[in-house]
Amino acid sequence: MKADDFVDITGVVCPITFVKVKVALEELDAGKILEVKLNAGEALENVPRSVKDEGHKIIEVNPNSDGSFTIFVEKDGLR
């Protein structure tokens, strides 16, 4: 999938993980796609839920070979 922007939060701990994603989404126009690389566990549980709560759409969640995950988020995709 082709994303309009990318943020890597694998080295960041909650709740800063969502803050970084939220800031990245604020810089995008509605309908644009943000690619987020994150760790399994707390980040994978909390970030997608928080993104949806903010009115954005999770398009894909893909596992990576290093144990991390990549999610694709459409800005304002639920509005």
N, C-alpha and C. Protein backbone atom coordinates (compact mmCIF):
# COMPACT_ATOMS: atom_id res chain seq x y z
N MET A 1 0.84 -1.18 0.00
CA MET A 1 0.00 0.00 0.00
C MET A 1 0.89 1.25 0.00
N LYS A 2 0.50 2.25 -0.74
CA LYS A 2 1.23 3.52 -0.83
C LYS A 2 0.70 4.49 0.21
N ALA A 3 1.57 4.93 1.10
CA ALA A 3 1.20 5.88 2.14
C ALA A 3 1.70 7.29 1.78
N ASP A 4 1.03 8.29 2.34
CA ASP A 4 1.42 9.68 2.11
C ASP A 4 2.47 10.14 3.12
N ASP A 5 2.56 9.46 4.26
CA ASP A 5 3.55 9.80 5.28
C ASP A 5 3.83 8.55 6.11
N PHE A 6 4.92 8.58 6.87
CA PHE A 6 5.36 7.43 7.65
C PHE A 6 5.86 7.89 9.01
N VAL A 7 5.51 7.12 10.05
CA VAL A 7 6.06 7.38 11.38
C VAL A 7 6.43 6.04 12.01
N ASP A 8 7.62 5.99 12.60
CA ASP A 8 8.12 4.78 13.26
C ASP A 8 8.08 5.04 14.77
N ILE A 9 7.21 4.31 15.47
CA ILE A 9 7.10 4.49 16.93
C ILE A 9 7.56 3.24 17.67
N THR A 10 8.41 2.44 17.04
CA THR A 10 8.88 1.21 17.68
C THR A 10 9.75 1.49 18.90
N GLY A 11 10.42 2.63 18.96
CA GLY A 11 11.28 2.93 20.10
C GLY A 11 10.62 3.82 21.13
N VAL A 12 9.30 3.96 21.04
CA VAL A 12 8.55 4.89 21.89
C VAL A 12 7.61 4.10 22.80
N VAL A 13 7.40 4.57 24.02
CA VAL A 13 6.50 3.89 24.95
C VAL A 13 5.16 4.63 25.05
N CYS A 14 4.12 3.88 25.38
CA CYS A 14 2.78 4.46 25.60
C CYS A 14 2.84 5.38 26.80
N PRO A 15 2.12 6.48 26.81
CA PRO A 15 1.14 6.95 25.83
C PRO A 15 1.73 7.82 24.73
N ILE A 16 3.05 8.00 24.72
CA ILE A 16 3.67 8.85 23.70
C ILE A 16 3.49 8.27 22.30
N THR A 17 3.30 6.95 22.20
CA THR A 17 3.09 6.33 20.89
C THR A 17 1.92 6.99 20.17
N PHE A 18 0.78 7.10 20.85
CA PHE A 18 -0.39 7.70 20.20
C PHE A 18 -0.19 9.18 19.95
N VAL A 19 0.50 9.87 20.84
CA VAL A 19 0.75 11.30 20.65
C VAL A 19 1.51 11.53 19.34
N LYS A 20 2.53 10.73 19.08
CA LYS A 20 3.31 10.87 17.85
C LYS A 20 2.45 10.59 16.61
N VAL A 21 1.58 9.57 16.70
CA VAL A 21 0.68 9.25 15.58
C VAL A 21 -0.32 10.39 15.38
N LYS A 22 -0.86 10.91 16.46
CA LYS A 22 -1.84 12.00 16.37
C LYS A 22 -1.22 13.23 15.71
N VAL A 23 0.00 13.58 16.11
CA VAL A 23 0.69 14.73 15.52
C VAL A 23 0.91 14.51 14.02
N ALA A 24 1.33 13.31 13.64
CA ALA A 24 1.54 12.99 12.22
C ALA A 24 0.24 13.09 11.44
N LEU A 25 -0.86 12.62 12.02
CA LEU A 25 -2.16 12.71 11.35
C LEU A 25 -2.62 14.16 11.20
N GLU A 26 -2.34 14.99 12.18
CA GLU A 26 -2.73 16.40 12.12
C GLU A 26 -2.07 17.12 10.95
N GLU A 27 -0.91 16.65 10.53
CA GLU A 27 -0.18 17.28 9.43
C GLU A 27 -0.68 16.83 8.06
N LEU A 28 -1.53 15.81 8.03
CA LEU A 28 -2.06 15.30 6.76
C LEU A 28 -3.43 15.89 6.45
N ASP A 29 -3.75 15.95 5.17
CA ASP A 29 -5.09 16.35 4.75
C ASP A 29 -6.04 15.16 4.88
N ALA A 30 -7.32 15.44 5.00
CA ALA A 30 -8.34 14.39 5.09
C ALA A 30 -8.22 13.45 3.88
N GLY A 31 -8.36 12.16 4.14
CA GLY A 31 -8.29 11.16 3.08
C GLY A 31 -6.89 10.65 2.79
N LYS A 32 -5.87 11.28 3.34
CA LYS A 32 -4.49 10.83 3.13
C LYS A 32 -4.19 9.64 4.05
N ILE A 33 -3.16 8.88 3.68
CA ILE A 33 -2.81 7.65 4.38
C ILE A 33 -1.50 7.82 5.16
N LEU A 34 -1.54 7.41 6.43
CA LEU A 34 -0.36 7.41 7.29
C LEU A 34 0.04 5.97 7.55
N GLU A 35 1.31 5.65 7.32
CA GLU A 35 1.88 4.34 7.62
C GLU A 35 2.58 4.45 8.98
N VAL A 36 2.24 3.54 9.88
CA VAL A 36 2.80 3.57 11.24
C VAL A 36 3.45 2.22 11.53
N LYS A 37 4.73 2.24 11.91
CA LYS A 37 5.41 1.03 12.35
C LYS A 37 5.44 1.05 13.87
N LEU A 38 4.93 -0.04 14.47
CA LEU A 38 4.85 -0.10 15.94
C LEU A 38 5.13 -1.49 16.44
N ASN A 39 5.37 -1.59 17.73
CA ASN A 39 5.66 -2.87 18.36
C ASN A 39 4.37 -3.60 18.70
N ALA A 40 4.48 -4.92 18.84
CA ALA A 40 3.37 -5.73 19.34
C ALA A 40 3.15 -5.37 20.80
N GLY A 41 2.03 -5.81 21.35
CA GLY A 41 1.76 -5.54 22.76
C GLY A 41 0.93 -4.31 22.96
N GLU A 42 1.32 -3.51 23.94
CA GLU A 42 0.52 -2.34 24.33
C GLU A 42 0.29 -1.37 23.18
N ALA A 43 1.33 -1.07 22.41
CA ALA A 43 1.18 -0.12 21.29
C ALA A 43 0.19 -0.65 20.26
N LEU A 44 0.30 -1.93 19.93
CA LEU A 44 -0.59 -2.53 18.92
C LEU A 44 -2.03 -2.58 19.42
N GLU A 45 -2.22 -2.70 20.71
CA GLU A 45 -3.57 -2.71 21.27
C GLU A 45 -4.15 -1.30 21.35
N ASN A 46 -3.35 -0.34 21.80
CA ASN A 46 -3.87 0.99 22.10
C ASN A 46 -3.91 1.95 20.92
N VAL A 47 -2.89 1.95 20.08
CA VAL A 47 -2.84 2.94 19.00
C VAL A 47 -3.99 2.78 18.02
N PRO A 48 -4.26 1.58 17.48
CA PRO A 48 -5.40 1.48 16.55
C PRO A 48 -6.73 1.88 17.19
N ARG A 49 -6.94 1.50 18.44
CA ARG A 49 -8.19 1.87 19.12
C ARG A 49 -8.30 3.38 19.26
N SER A 50 -7.22 4.02 19.68
CA SER A 50 -7.23 5.48 19.85
C SER A 50 -7.41 6.20 18.52
N VAL A 51 -6.78 5.68 17.47
CA VAL A 51 -6.93 6.26 16.13
C VAL A 51 -8.40 6.22 15.70
N LYS A 52 -9.05 5.08 15.90
CA LYS A 52 -10.47 4.94 15.54
C LYS A 52 -11.33 5.87 16.38
N ASP A 53 -11.01 6.00 17.66
CA ASP A 53 -11.76 6.89 18.54
C ASP A 53 -11.67 8.34 18.08
N GLU A 54 -10.59 8.69 17.39
CA GLU A 54 -10.40 10.05 16.88
C GLU A 54 -11.10 10.25 15.53
N GLY A 55 -11.71 9.19 14.98
CA GLY A 55 -12.45 9.31 13.72
C GLY A 55 -11.69 8.90 12.48
N HIS A 56 -10.56 8.23 12.66
CA HIS A 56 -9.77 7.78 11.53
C HIS A 56 -10.03 6.29 11.29
N LYS A 57 -9.63 5.82 10.11
CA LYS A 57 -9.92 4.43 9.73
C LYS A 57 -8.63 3.63 9.61
N ILE A 58 -8.61 2.47 10.25
CA ILE A 58 -7.49 1.53 10.09
C ILE A 58 -7.78 0.73 8.81
N ILE A 59 -6.89 0.85 7.84
CA ILE A 59 -7.09 0.17 6.56
C ILE A 59 -6.48 -1.23 6.59
N GLU A 60 -5.27 -1.32 7.11
CA GLU A 60 -4.55 -2.61 7.17
C GLU A 60 -3.70 -2.67 8.43
N VAL A 61 -3.51 -3.89 8.92
CA VAL A 61 -2.55 -4.17 9.99
C VAL A 61 -1.72 -5.36 9.49
N ASN A 62 -0.43 -5.15 9.32
CA ASN A 62 0.44 -6.19 8.76
C ASN A 62 1.60 -6.49 9.70
N PRO A 63 1.86 -7.79 9.95
CA PRO A 63 3.05 -8.15 10.73
C PRO A 63 4.31 -7.99 9.89
N ASN A 64 5.40 -7.60 10.55
CA ASN A 64 6.70 -7.49 9.89
C ASN A 64 7.61 -8.62 10.36
N SER A 65 8.64 -8.90 9.59
CA SER A 65 9.54 -10.02 9.90
C SER A 65 10.33 -9.81 11.19
N ASP A 66 10.44 -8.57 11.66
CA ASP A 66 11.21 -8.30 12.88
C ASP A 66 10.35 -8.34 14.15
N GLY A 67 9.08 -8.75 14.03
CA GLY A 67 8.20 -8.83 15.18
C GLY A 67 7.36 -7.58 15.41
N SER A 68 7.65 -6.53 14.65
CA SER A 68 6.85 -5.31 14.74
C SER A 68 5.65 -5.43 13.80
N PHE A 69 4.81 -4.40 13.78
CA PHE A 69 3.64 -4.37 12.90
C PHE A 69 3.61 -3.05 12.16
N THR A 70 2.98 -3.04 11.01
CA THR A 70 2.73 -1.82 10.26
C THR A 70 1.23 -1.66 10.10
N ILE A 71 0.73 -0.48 10.48
CA ILE A 71 -0.68 -0.19 10.27
C ILE A 71 -0.79 0.98 9.30
N PHE A 72 -1.84 0.96 8.50
CA PHE A 72 -2.13 2.04 7.57
C PHE A 72 -3.42 2.70 8.03
N VAL A 73 -3.36 4.01 8.20
CA VAL A 73 -4.47 4.78 8.74
C VAL A 73 -4.92 5.81 7.73
N GLU A 74 -6.22 5.85 7.44
CA GLU A 74 -6.77 6.90 6.59
C GLU A 74 -7.29 8.02 7.48
N LYS A 75 -6.76 9.22 7.28
CA LYS A 75 -7.18 10.36 8.09
C LYS A 75 -8.64 10.69 7.83
N ASP A 76 -9.40 10.85 8.91
CA ASP A 76 -10.83 11.18 8.85
C ASP A 76 -11.64 10.16 8.05
N GLY A 77 -11.16 8.93 8.00
CA GLY A 77 -11.83 7.90 7.21
C GLY A 77 -13.17 7.43 7.77
N LEU A 78 -13.49 7.78 9.00
CA LEU A 78 -14.76 7.37 9.59
C LEU A 78 -15.74 8.52 9.68
N ARG A 79 -15.39 9.69 9.18
CA ARG A 79 -16.27 10.87 9.28
C ARG A 79 -17.07 11.06 8.03
